[in-house]
Amino acid sequence: RSNIEKISEFIFRDVQPGFKKHCQEVGGGFIVAGQNYGQGSSREHAALAPMYLGIKAVIAKSFARIHLANLVNFGIVPFTFVNEADYDNIDEGDVLKITDLHDLQPGKNMNVVNTTKNTSFEVAHTLSQLDIDILMAGGRLNYIKMGK
């Protein structure tokens, strides 16, 4: 249970074989998900393993409450689609970019550019200023190390 490298081999293996290898080749990226992302086990491993693979954000239709908190604790930004129909316009392999992530503020929507399709869409979040500070530090442990 404590071998994160080994655990990361099994992330999304049934829906996207080779996910770990792809993340390693491109240096992480985003996860695009449907309803209630993270539902099931509330163990930290569900957020820790994607962090290990360099995942920077999850864009979902909705999140399981405990998993959303775990994502923040491990430095992964949880976003929701402002317009859920935008989910259907993203294909596996599309390159997504958030240019103003360092301007993340409570209640402020962000713009995501799909550079593959030359389109963009808005995402929202429910993050507090403390959540944002934790994310900008790279996760809760880094935040604590900074003496916050």
N, C-alpha and C. Protein backbone atom coordinates (compact mmCIF):
# COMPACT_ATOMS: atom_id res chain seq x y z
N ARG A 1 0.80 -1.21 0.00
CA ARG A 1 0.00 0.00 0.00
C ARG A 1 0.84 1.26 0.00
N SER A 2 2.11 1.17 0.31
CA SER A 2 2.92 2.38 0.36
C SER A 2 3.85 2.51 -0.84
N ASN A 3 3.74 1.63 -1.82
CA ASN A 3 4.58 1.70 -3.00
C ASN A 3 3.84 2.48 -4.09
N ILE A 4 3.98 3.80 -4.05
CA ILE A 4 3.22 4.68 -4.95
C ILE A 4 3.61 4.43 -6.41
N GLU A 5 4.89 4.17 -6.66
CA GLU A 5 5.30 3.88 -8.03
C GLU A 5 4.55 2.67 -8.58
N LYS A 6 4.43 1.63 -7.78
CA LYS A 6 3.71 0.43 -8.21
C LYS A 6 2.21 0.70 -8.34
N ILE A 7 1.65 1.40 -7.38
CA ILE A 7 0.22 1.73 -7.42
C ILE A 7 -0.10 2.52 -8.69
N SER A 8 0.80 3.42 -9.07
CA SER A 8 0.54 4.27 -10.24
C SER A 8 0.43 3.47 -11.54
N GLU A 9 0.93 2.24 -11.56
CA GLU A 9 0.81 1.40 -12.75
C GLU A 9 -0.63 0.99 -13.03
N PHE A 10 -1.48 1.07 -12.02
CA PHE A 10 -2.85 0.59 -12.15
C PHE A 10 -3.88 1.69 -12.37
N ILE A 11 -3.44 2.94 -12.38
CA ILE A 11 -4.36 4.05 -12.57
C ILE A 11 -4.98 3.97 -13.97
N PHE A 12 -6.28 3.94 -14.03
CA PHE A 12 -7.05 3.94 -15.27
C PHE A 12 -6.68 2.81 -16.23
N ARG A 13 -6.11 1.74 -15.74
CA ARG A 13 -5.66 0.66 -16.63
C ARG A 13 -6.79 0.06 -17.45
N ASP A 14 -8.02 0.10 -16.91
CA ASP A 14 -9.14 -0.48 -17.65
C ASP A 14 -9.73 0.47 -18.69
N VAL A 15 -9.53 1.77 -18.50
CA VAL A 15 -10.11 2.74 -19.44
C VAL A 15 -9.08 3.37 -20.37
N GLN A 16 -7.84 3.43 -19.94
CA GLN A 16 -6.77 3.93 -20.79
C GLN A 16 -5.47 3.17 -20.52
N PRO A 17 -5.34 2.00 -21.15
CA PRO A 17 -4.09 1.25 -20.96
C PRO A 17 -2.88 2.12 -21.32
N GLY A 18 -1.84 2.00 -20.52
CA GLY A 18 -0.64 2.79 -20.78
C GLY A 18 -0.69 4.20 -20.21
N PHE A 19 -1.65 4.47 -19.32
CA PHE A 19 -1.79 5.81 -18.76
C PHE A 19 -0.51 6.26 -18.05
N LYS A 20 0.09 5.39 -17.25
CA LYS A 20 1.31 5.75 -16.53
C LYS A 20 2.43 6.12 -17.51
N LYS A 21 2.62 5.30 -18.51
CA LYS A 21 3.68 5.56 -19.49
C LYS A 21 3.43 6.88 -20.22
N HIS A 22 2.19 7.12 -20.59
CA HIS A 22 1.85 8.37 -21.27
C HIS A 22 2.16 9.57 -20.39
N CYS A 23 1.76 9.51 -19.12
CA CYS A 23 2.03 10.61 -18.19
C CYS A 23 3.54 10.86 -18.07
N GLN A 24 4.29 9.79 -18.00
CA GLN A 24 5.74 9.93 -17.88
C GLN A 24 6.34 10.54 -19.15
N GLU A 25 5.81 10.19 -20.30
CA GLU A 25 6.33 10.71 -21.56
C GLU A 25 6.02 12.19 -21.76
N VAL A 26 4.85 12.62 -21.33
CA VAL A 26 4.45 14.02 -21.56
C VAL A 26 4.61 14.90 -20.33
N GLY A 27 5.00 14.31 -19.21
CA GLY A 27 5.21 15.10 -18.00
C GLY A 27 3.94 15.44 -17.25
N GLY A 28 2.99 14.53 -17.22
CA GLY A 28 1.75 14.75 -16.46
C GLY A 28 0.60 15.16 -17.34
N GLY A 29 -0.12 16.18 -16.90
CA GLY A 29 -1.24 16.68 -17.68
C GLY A 29 -2.49 16.82 -16.85
N PHE A 30 -3.64 16.68 -17.50
CA PHE A 30 -4.96 16.81 -16.88
C PHE A 30 -5.69 15.48 -16.96
N ILE A 31 -6.61 15.30 -16.04
CA ILE A 31 -7.59 14.22 -16.14
C ILE A 31 -8.92 14.89 -16.43
N VAL A 32 -9.64 14.39 -17.42
CA VAL A 32 -10.98 14.87 -17.74
C VAL A 32 -11.94 13.77 -17.35
N ALA A 33 -12.94 14.12 -16.52
CA ALA A 33 -13.79 13.08 -15.93
C ALA A 33 -15.26 13.49 -15.93
N GLY A 34 -16.10 12.50 -15.69
CA GLY A 34 -17.54 12.70 -15.66
C GLY A 34 -18.05 13.05 -14.27
N GLN A 35 -19.21 12.49 -13.95
CA GLN A 35 -19.89 12.78 -12.68
C GLN A 35 -19.22 12.09 -11.50
N ASN A 36 -19.19 12.78 -10.38
CA ASN A 36 -18.79 12.23 -9.09
C ASN A 36 -17.39 11.61 -9.13
N TYR A 37 -16.47 12.28 -9.78
CA TYR A 37 -15.10 11.78 -9.90
C TYR A 37 -14.52 11.54 -8.50
N GLY A 38 -13.92 10.39 -8.32
CA GLY A 38 -13.28 10.04 -7.06
C GLY A 38 -14.19 9.30 -6.10
N GLN A 39 -15.40 8.99 -6.52
CA GLN A 39 -16.33 8.28 -5.65
C GLN A 39 -15.82 6.88 -5.39
N GLY A 40 -16.01 6.41 -4.22
CA GLY A 40 -15.55 5.08 -3.84
C GLY A 40 -14.67 5.19 -2.63
N SER A 41 -13.50 4.65 -2.70
CA SER A 41 -12.58 4.70 -1.58
C SER A 41 -12.13 6.14 -1.33
N SER A 42 -12.04 6.50 -0.07
CA SER A 42 -11.57 7.84 0.28
C SER A 42 -10.07 7.84 0.61
N ARG A 43 -9.39 6.78 0.29
CA ARG A 43 -7.96 6.71 0.58
C ARG A 43 -7.19 7.77 -0.22
N GLU A 44 -6.11 8.23 0.39
CA GLU A 44 -5.29 9.26 -0.25
C GLU A 44 -4.63 8.77 -1.53
N HIS A 45 -4.47 7.46 -1.68
CA HIS A 45 -3.77 6.92 -2.85
C HIS A 45 -4.44 7.33 -4.16
N ALA A 46 -5.74 7.55 -4.13
CA ALA A 46 -6.47 7.93 -5.35
C ALA A 46 -6.05 9.32 -5.83
N ALA A 47 -5.50 10.13 -4.96
CA ALA A 47 -4.95 11.43 -5.36
C ALA A 47 -3.42 11.41 -5.39
N LEU A 48 -2.82 10.62 -4.53
CA LEU A 48 -1.36 10.55 -4.44
C LEU A 48 -0.74 9.97 -5.72
N ALA A 49 -1.33 8.91 -6.25
CA ALA A 49 -0.76 8.29 -7.45
C ALA A 49 -0.82 9.23 -8.66
N PRO A 50 -1.94 9.93 -8.93
CA PRO A 50 -1.91 10.90 -10.02
C PRO A 50 -0.89 12.03 -9.80
N MET A 51 -0.73 12.47 -8.55
CA MET A 51 0.28 13.48 -8.27
C MET A 51 1.67 12.95 -8.62
N TYR A 52 1.93 11.70 -8.27
CA TYR A 52 3.20 11.07 -8.58
C TYR A 52 3.46 11.07 -10.09
N LEU A 53 2.39 10.93 -10.88
CA LEU A 53 2.52 10.90 -12.34
C LEU A 53 2.53 12.30 -12.96
N GLY A 54 2.43 13.33 -12.15
CA GLY A 54 2.53 14.69 -12.67
C GLY A 54 1.21 15.31 -13.09
N ILE A 55 0.10 14.72 -12.69
CA ILE A 55 -1.20 15.30 -13.01
C ILE A 55 -1.32 16.63 -12.28
N LYS A 56 -1.69 17.69 -12.99
CA LYS A 56 -1.78 19.03 -12.41
C LYS A 56 -3.20 19.44 -12.05
N ALA A 57 -4.18 18.90 -12.78
CA ALA A 57 -5.58 19.28 -12.54
C ALA A 57 -6.50 18.16 -13.00
N VAL A 58 -7.68 18.14 -12.40
CA VAL A 58 -8.77 17.28 -12.84
C VAL A 58 -9.92 18.19 -13.21
N ILE A 59 -10.45 18.02 -14.40
CA ILE A 59 -11.62 18.75 -14.84
C ILE A 59 -12.75 17.73 -14.93
N ALA A 60 -13.76 17.89 -14.09
CA ALA A 60 -14.83 16.90 -14.00
C ALA A 60 -16.19 17.58 -14.01
N LYS A 61 -17.21 16.76 -14.27
CA LYS A 61 -18.58 17.26 -14.16
C LYS A 61 -18.93 17.51 -12.70
N SER A 62 -18.45 16.64 -11.81
CA SER A 62 -18.62 16.82 -10.37
C SER A 62 -17.63 15.92 -9.64
N PHE A 63 -17.45 16.17 -8.34
CA PHE A 63 -16.49 15.44 -7.53
C PHE A 63 -17.14 14.82 -6.31
N ALA A 64 -16.58 13.71 -5.87
CA ALA A 64 -16.90 13.18 -4.54
C ALA A 64 -16.20 14.11 -3.54
N ARG A 65 -16.90 14.48 -2.49
CA ARG A 65 -16.43 15.50 -1.54
C ARG A 65 -15.06 15.18 -0.94
N ILE A 66 -14.88 13.98 -0.42
CA ILE A 66 -13.61 13.65 0.24
C ILE A 66 -12.48 13.62 -0.77
N HIS A 67 -12.74 13.11 -1.95
CA HIS A 67 -11.69 13.04 -2.97
C HIS A 67 -11.26 14.45 -3.39
N LEU A 68 -12.20 15.35 -3.50
CA LEU A 68 -11.86 16.73 -3.86
C LEU A 68 -10.87 17.29 -2.84
N ALA A 69 -11.12 17.08 -1.56
CA ALA A 69 -10.20 17.54 -0.52
C ALA A 69 -8.84 16.87 -0.65
N ASN A 70 -8.83 15.58 -0.97
CA ASN A 70 -7.55 14.88 -1.14
C ASN A 70 -6.77 15.42 -2.33
N LEU A 71 -7.46 15.76 -3.41
CA LEU A 71 -6.77 16.36 -4.56
C LEU A 71 -6.04 17.63 -4.14
N VAL A 72 -6.73 18.50 -3.43
CA VAL A 72 -6.10 19.74 -2.95
C VAL A 72 -4.90 19.42 -2.08
N ASN A 73 -5.06 18.48 -1.17
CA ASN A 73 -3.96 18.13 -0.27
C ASN A 73 -2.73 17.63 -1.00
N PHE A 74 -2.91 17.07 -2.19
CA PHE A 74 -1.78 16.58 -2.97
C PHE A 74 -1.42 17.49 -4.14
N GLY A 75 -1.95 18.70 -4.15
CA GLY A 75 -1.54 19.71 -5.11
C GLY A 75 -2.15 19.57 -6.49
N ILE A 76 -3.28 18.90 -6.59
CA ILE A 76 -3.98 18.75 -7.88
C ILE A 76 -5.22 19.62 -7.85
N VAL A 77 -5.35 20.51 -8.84
CA VAL A 77 -6.45 21.47 -8.85
C VAL A 77 -7.73 20.80 -9.36
N PRO A 78 -8.82 20.85 -8.57
CA PRO A 78 -10.09 20.28 -8.99
C PRO A 78 -11.00 21.34 -9.63
N PHE A 79 -11.28 21.19 -10.90
CA PHE A 79 -12.16 22.10 -11.63
C PHE A 79 -13.41 21.36 -12.07
N THR A 80 -14.50 22.10 -12.22
CA THR A 80 -15.72 21.54 -12.81
C THR A 80 -16.06 22.34 -14.06
N PHE A 81 -16.70 21.66 -15.01
CA PHE A 81 -17.15 22.32 -16.22
C PHE A 81 -18.25 23.32 -15.88
N VAL A 82 -18.14 24.54 -16.38
CA VAL A 82 -19.24 25.51 -16.25
C VAL A 82 -20.41 25.02 -17.09
N ASN A 83 -20.09 24.57 -18.29
CA ASN A 83 -21.08 24.00 -19.20
C ASN A 83 -20.71 22.53 -19.39
N GLU A 84 -21.49 21.63 -18.80
CA GLU A 84 -21.16 20.21 -18.86
C GLU A 84 -21.06 19.67 -20.29
N ALA A 85 -21.70 20.33 -21.24
CA ALA A 85 -21.63 19.89 -22.64
C ALA A 85 -20.20 20.00 -23.19
N ASP A 86 -19.36 20.85 -22.57
CA ASP A 86 -17.97 20.97 -23.02
C ASP A 86 -17.21 19.66 -22.85
N TYR A 87 -17.63 18.85 -21.90
CA TYR A 87 -17.02 17.54 -21.68
C TYR A 87 -17.03 16.71 -22.96
N ASP A 88 -18.14 16.78 -23.69
CA ASP A 88 -18.31 15.97 -24.90
C ASP A 88 -17.45 16.45 -26.07
N ASN A 89 -16.84 17.62 -25.94
CA ASN A 89 -16.02 18.17 -27.02
C ASN A 89 -14.53 17.92 -26.81
N ILE A 90 -14.20 17.13 -25.80
CA ILE A 90 -12.79 16.81 -25.53
C ILE A 90 -12.57 15.34 -25.84
N ASP A 91 -11.53 15.08 -26.62
CA ASP A 91 -11.18 13.71 -26.98
C ASP A 91 -9.86 13.33 -26.32
N GLU A 92 -9.67 12.04 -26.10
CA GLU A 92 -8.41 11.55 -25.56
C GLU A 92 -7.28 12.02 -26.46
N GLY A 93 -6.26 12.57 -25.86
CA GLY A 93 -5.10 13.06 -26.61
C GLY A 93 -5.16 14.54 -26.91
N ASP A 94 -6.32 15.19 -26.71
CA ASP A 94 -6.38 16.64 -26.91
C ASP A 94 -5.43 17.31 -25.92
N VAL A 95 -4.79 18.38 -26.36
CA VAL A 95 -3.89 19.13 -25.50
C VAL A 95 -4.65 20.31 -24.92
N LEU A 96 -4.72 20.34 -23.59
CA LEU A 96 -5.42 21.41 -22.88
C LEU A 96 -4.42 22.30 -22.18
N LYS A 97 -4.76 23.59 -22.09
CA LYS A 97 -3.84 24.55 -21.49
C LYS A 97 -4.63 25.57 -20.67
N ILE A 98 -4.16 25.82 -19.45
CA ILE A 98 -4.70 26.88 -18.62
C ILE A 98 -3.57 27.88 -18.44
N THR A 99 -3.71 29.05 -19.04
CA THR A 99 -2.59 29.99 -19.06
C THR A 99 -2.51 30.86 -17.81
N ASP A 100 -3.60 31.05 -17.11
CA ASP A 100 -3.60 31.97 -15.98
C ASP A 100 -3.82 31.27 -14.64
N LEU A 101 -3.28 30.08 -14.49
CA LEU A 101 -3.51 29.29 -13.28
C LEU A 101 -2.98 30.00 -12.03
N HIS A 102 -1.91 30.77 -12.17
CA HIS A 102 -1.36 31.48 -11.01
C HIS A 102 -2.26 32.64 -10.58
N ASP A 103 -3.28 32.94 -11.36
CA ASP A 103 -4.27 33.96 -11.00
C ASP A 103 -5.50 33.34 -10.37
N LEU A 104 -5.41 32.10 -9.95
CA LEU A 104 -6.53 31.40 -9.33
C LEU A 104 -6.99 32.16 -8.09
N GLN A 105 -8.28 32.45 -8.04
CA GLN A 105 -8.87 33.19 -6.93
C GLN A 105 -10.20 32.56 -6.56
N PRO A 106 -10.59 32.68 -5.29
CA PRO A 106 -11.90 32.13 -4.90
C PRO A 106 -13.02 32.72 -5.76
N GLY A 107 -13.86 31.84 -6.28
CA GLY A 107 -15.02 32.26 -7.06
C GLY A 107 -14.74 32.70 -8.48
N LYS A 108 -13.48 32.69 -8.91
CA LYS A 108 -13.13 33.14 -10.27
C LYS A 108 -13.02 31.95 -11.21
N ASN A 109 -13.83 31.96 -12.25
CA ASN A 109 -13.74 30.90 -13.27
C ASN A 109 -12.43 31.04 -14.04
N MET A 110 -11.99 29.94 -14.62
CA MET A 110 -10.76 29.93 -15.40
C MET A 110 -11.08 29.50 -16.82
N ASN A 111 -10.23 29.91 -17.74
CA ASN A 111 -10.39 29.57 -19.15
C ASN A 111 -9.42 28.44 -19.51
N VAL A 112 -9.94 27.41 -20.17
CA VAL A 112 -9.13 26.29 -20.64
C VAL A 112 -9.13 26.33 -22.16
N VAL A 113 -7.95 26.26 -22.75
CA VAL A 113 -7.83 26.25 -24.20
C VAL A 113 -7.51 24.82 -24.64
N ASN A 114 -8.31 24.33 -25.58
CA ASN A 114 -8.02 23.05 -26.22
C ASN A 114 -7.21 23.41 -27.46
N THR A 115 -5.88 23.30 -27.34
CA THR A 115 -5.02 23.72 -28.45
C THR A 115 -5.12 22.78 -29.64
N THR A 116 -5.57 21.56 -29.41
CA THR A 116 -5.74 20.60 -30.50
C THR A 116 -6.87 21.03 -31.43
N LYS A 117 -7.95 21.52 -30.84
CA LYS A 117 -9.14 21.88 -31.62
C LYS A 117 -9.32 23.39 -31.77
N ASN A 118 -8.40 24.16 -31.18
CA ASN A 118 -8.47 25.61 -31.24
C ASN A 118 -9.82 26.12 -30.70
N THR A 119 -10.22 25.57 -29.55
CA THR A 119 -11.45 25.99 -28.88
C THR A 119 -11.10 26.30 -27.42
N SER A 120 -12.05 26.87 -26.71
CA SER A 120 -11.84 27.11 -25.29
C SER A 120 -13.16 26.94 -24.55
N PHE A 121 -13.06 26.77 -23.24
CA PHE A 121 -14.24 26.63 -22.40
C PHE A 121 -13.88 27.08 -20.98
N GLU A 122 -14.90 27.37 -20.20
CA GLU A 122 -14.70 27.82 -18.83
C GLU A 122 -14.85 26.67 -17.84
N VAL A 123 -14.04 26.74 -16.78
CA VAL A 123 -14.17 25.83 -15.66
C VAL A 123 -14.33 26.64 -14.39
N ALA A 124 -14.99 26.03 -13.41
CA ALA A 124 -15.23 26.67 -12.12
C ALA A 124 -14.55 25.85 -11.03
N HIS A 125 -14.56 26.40 -9.82
CA HIS A 125 -14.03 25.68 -8.67
C HIS A 125 -14.73 26.19 -7.42
N THR A 126 -14.58 25.45 -6.34
CA THR A 126 -15.17 25.84 -5.06
C THR A 126 -14.08 26.06 -4.02
N LEU A 127 -12.90 26.43 -4.46
CA LEU A 127 -11.74 26.54 -3.58
C LEU A 127 -11.78 27.79 -2.72
N SER A 128 -11.39 27.63 -1.46
CA SER A 128 -11.21 28.76 -0.57
C SER A 128 -9.82 29.35 -0.79
N GLN A 129 -9.52 30.48 -0.16
CA GLN A 129 -8.18 31.05 -0.28
C GLN A 129 -7.15 30.10 0.33
N LEU A 130 -7.50 29.44 1.43
CA LEU A 130 -6.58 28.47 2.03
C LEU A 130 -6.31 27.32 1.06
N ASP A 131 -7.35 26.79 0.41
CA ASP A 131 -7.15 25.74 -0.58
C ASP A 131 -6.20 26.20 -1.68
N ILE A 132 -6.40 27.41 -2.15
CA ILE A 132 -5.54 27.96 -3.22
C ILE A 132 -4.10 28.09 -2.74
N ASP A 133 -3.92 28.56 -1.52
CA ASP A 133 -2.56 28.68 -0.97
C ASP A 133 -1.89 27.31 -0.88
N ILE A 134 -2.66 26.29 -0.48
CA ILE A 134 -2.13 24.92 -0.41
C ILE A 134 -1.74 24.44 -1.80
N LEU A 135 -2.60 24.68 -2.79
CA LEU A 135 -2.31 24.26 -4.17
C LEU A 135 -1.08 24.97 -4.71
N MET A 136 -0.95 26.27 -4.46
CA MET A 136 0.18 27.03 -4.97
C MET A 136 1.49 26.59 -4.31
N ALA A 137 1.40 26.01 -3.11
CA ALA A 137 2.59 25.49 -2.43
C ALA A 137 2.95 24.09 -2.95
N GLY A 138 2.04 23.48 -3.73
CA GLY A 138 2.29 22.14 -4.26
C GLY A 138 1.66 21.05 -3.41
N GLY A 139 0.79 21.42 -2.50
CA GLY A 139 0.12 20.44 -1.64
C GLY A 139 0.27 20.80 -0.18
N ARG A 140 -0.50 20.10 0.66
CA ARG A 140 -0.54 20.43 2.09
C ARG A 140 0.81 20.24 2.78
N LEU A 141 1.54 19.17 2.47
CA LEU A 141 2.84 18.98 3.13
C LEU A 141 3.80 20.11 2.82
N ASN A 142 3.86 20.53 1.57
CA ASN A 142 4.71 21.66 1.20
C ASN A 142 4.25 22.93 1.89
N TYR A 143 2.96 23.11 2.00
CA TYR A 143 2.39 24.28 2.67
C TYR A 143 2.83 24.31 4.14
N ILE A 144 2.76 23.16 4.79
CA ILE A 144 3.18 23.07 6.19
C ILE A 144 4.68 23.32 6.33
N LYS A 145 5.46 22.75 5.41
CA LYS A 145 6.92 22.95 5.44
C LYS A 145 7.29 24.42 5.31
N MET A 146 6.44 25.17 4.61
CA MET A 146 6.69 26.60 4.43
C MET A 146 6.37 27.39 5.71
N GLY A 147 5.89 26.67 6.73
CA GLY A 147 5.61 27.33 8.00
C GLY A 147 4.28 28.05 8.04
N LYS A 148 3.38 27.64 7.21
CA LYS A 148 2.06 28.30 7.16
C LYS A 148 1.14 27.74 8.20
